[in-house]
Protein backbone atom coordinates (compact mmCIF):
# COMPACT_ATOMS: atom_id res chain seq x y z
CA MET A 1 0.00 0.00 0.00
CA ASP A 2 1.28 3.46 -0.89
CA GLU A 3 1.97 5.43 2.33
CA PRO A 4 1.65 9.02 0.95
CA SER A 5 -1.85 8.33 -0.40
CA ARG A 6 -3.34 7.94 3.06
CA PRO A 7 -5.53 10.92 3.97
CA TRP A 8 -3.96 11.44 7.40
CA ASN A 9 -0.50 11.69 5.79
CA ARG A 10 -1.74 14.51 3.58
CA THR A 11 -3.22 16.23 6.62
CA VAL A 12 0.03 15.89 8.56
CA ARG A 13 2.02 17.25 5.60
CA ALA A 14 -0.35 20.20 5.23
CA ALA A 15 -0.19 20.93 8.96
CA ARG A 16 3.62 20.74 8.90
CA ARG A 17 3.76 23.09 5.93
CA ALA A 18 1.38 25.55 7.63
CA GLY A 19 3.36 25.38 10.87
CA ILE A 20 6.64 26.05 9.10
CA ALA A 21 5.04 28.93 7.19
CA LEU A 22 3.70 30.45 10.40
CA ILE A 23 6.93 30.11 12.37
CA GLY A 24 9.19 31.19 9.50
CA SER A 25 7.04 34.19 8.66
CA THR A 26 6.96 35.25 12.30
CA VAL A 27 10.74 35.05 12.53
CA VAL A 28 11.20 37.04 9.30
CA LEU A 29 8.72 39.70 10.45
CA ALA A 30 10.49 39.92 13.82
CA GLY A 31 13.78 40.38 11.95
CA LEU A 32 12.29 43.13 9.82
CA ALA A 33 11.05 44.87 12.96
CA MET A 34 14.55 44.55 14.44
CA LEU A 35 15.95 46.56 11.55
CA VAL A 36 14.35 49.65 13.09
CA LEU A 37 14.11 48.43 16.69
CA PRO A 38 17.01 47.25 18.84
CA GLY A 39 18.00 43.71 17.91
CA PRO A 40 19.97 41.56 15.49
CA GLY A 41 17.66 41.92 12.49
CA LEU A 42 20.32 41.02 9.92
CA ILE A 43 20.83 37.70 11.69
CA VAL A 44 17.18 36.91 12.39
CA ILE A 45 15.91 37.46 8.82
CA PRO A 46 18.16 34.77 7.28
CA ALA A 47 17.19 32.43 10.12
CA GLY A 48 13.53 32.94 9.22
CA LEU A 49 14.27 32.36 5.54
CA ALA A 50 16.11 29.16 6.46
CA ILE A 51 13.03 27.98 8.36
CA LEU A 52 10.80 28.84 5.40
CA GLY A 53 13.29 27.14 3.08
CA LEU A 54 12.44 23.80 4.69
CA GLU A 55 9.20 23.82 2.71
CA PHE A 56 9.28 26.61 0.12
CA ALA A 57 11.58 26.84 -2.92
CA TRP A 58 11.25 30.64 -3.15
CA ALA A 59 12.72 31.00 0.35
CA ARG A 60 15.66 28.74 -0.57
CA HIS A 61 16.22 30.93 -3.65
CA TRP A 62 16.23 34.14 -1.54
CA MET A 63 18.62 32.53 0.95
CA LYS A 64 20.97 31.53 -1.86
CA ARG A 65 20.97 35.04 -3.33
CA ALA A 66 21.50 36.62 0.09
CA ARG A 67 24.40 34.25 0.79
CA GLU A 68 26.01 35.03 -2.59
CA HIS A 69 25.64 38.76 -1.98
CA ALA A 70 27.15 38.47 1.52
CA GLU A 71 30.09 36.44 0.20
CA SER A 72 30.70 38.99 -2.55
CA LEU A 73 30.60 41.86 -0.06
CA THR A 74 32.98 39.97 2.26
CA ARG A 75 35.47 39.40 -0.57
CA THR A 76 35.28 43.08 -1.55
CA CYS A 77 35.82 44.28 2.02
CA ARG A 78 38.74 41.90 2.56
CA ALA A 79 40.35 43.21 -0.60
CA GLY A 80 40.26 46.67 0.99
CA ALA A 81 37.91 48.28 -1.48
CA LEU A 82 34.38 49.22 -0.56
CA PRO A 83 31.76 48.99 -3.30
CA GLU A 84 30.70 52.25 -4.88
CA ILE A 85 27.16 53.32 -4.25
CA ASP A 86 25.37 54.42 -7.38
CA ARG A 87 23.57 57.61 -6.46
CA PRO A 88 21.10 59.12 -8.91
CA GLY A 89 21.80 62.66 -10.00
CA ARG A 90 25.59 62.51 -9.73
């Protein structure tokens, strides 16, 4: 008998997905609030995306892009050159 076809398995999977969405979203929103309030927002937001990435491909994609951007910025800073900021009207 095929295990995933049982109705209770689908219910458990849906509940797990909803729970991960709720917890991950809460952590991301708390991180966003910490960007303007005291707290480690830049650490909490990726943690929330990692939680969401357990179930959602879009969150894994955002985490990958954020990691690549952080690695690029780290390499640039270690090389001693800060990236130029493109400011409109200059």
